[in-house]
Amino acid sequence: QVQLVESGGGLVQAGGSLRLSCAASGRTFSNYAMGWFRQAPGKEREFVAAISKSGHSTYYADSVKVRFTISRDNAKNTVYLQMNSLKPEDTAVYYCAADTYYCSGYGCYGHEYDYWGQGTQVTVSS
């Protein structure tokens, strides 16, 4: 089992920045590819970003490309999501997820992850 705990969410004004963290425990972190997803009220959960086990490969949803950056520190068992130039439409609960396989390209949108965190709320005011 892999336990994932997100943190770093909060309320920010449009144009501002937040950095989300996801701390992993239970298994060897570097054996897992990681992803970030989000779910806004009344909407389905959507893919945001993914990163490979080594951190050398990343992929982003078109809606966040350039503005968000996913990274990981395998020594700290943590994956991050740096979010810049935030927009009200970025408001959602953000979840991190872990899987033994890294998705590739458009496959990231429908990739199934084995483990999920409990989520952290991000609210962007206009």
Foldseek 3Di string as FASTA:
>chain_A
DKAKAKDWADEEAAQAKIKMKIAIDDDQLLLKKKFKWWDDPPGDIWGAKIAHSVRPDMDGDPVQPPQWDWGDDSVRRMIMIIGGRDDQVVWTWMKMFIASDGADDPRRGVDDGDDIYPTDTHGYHD
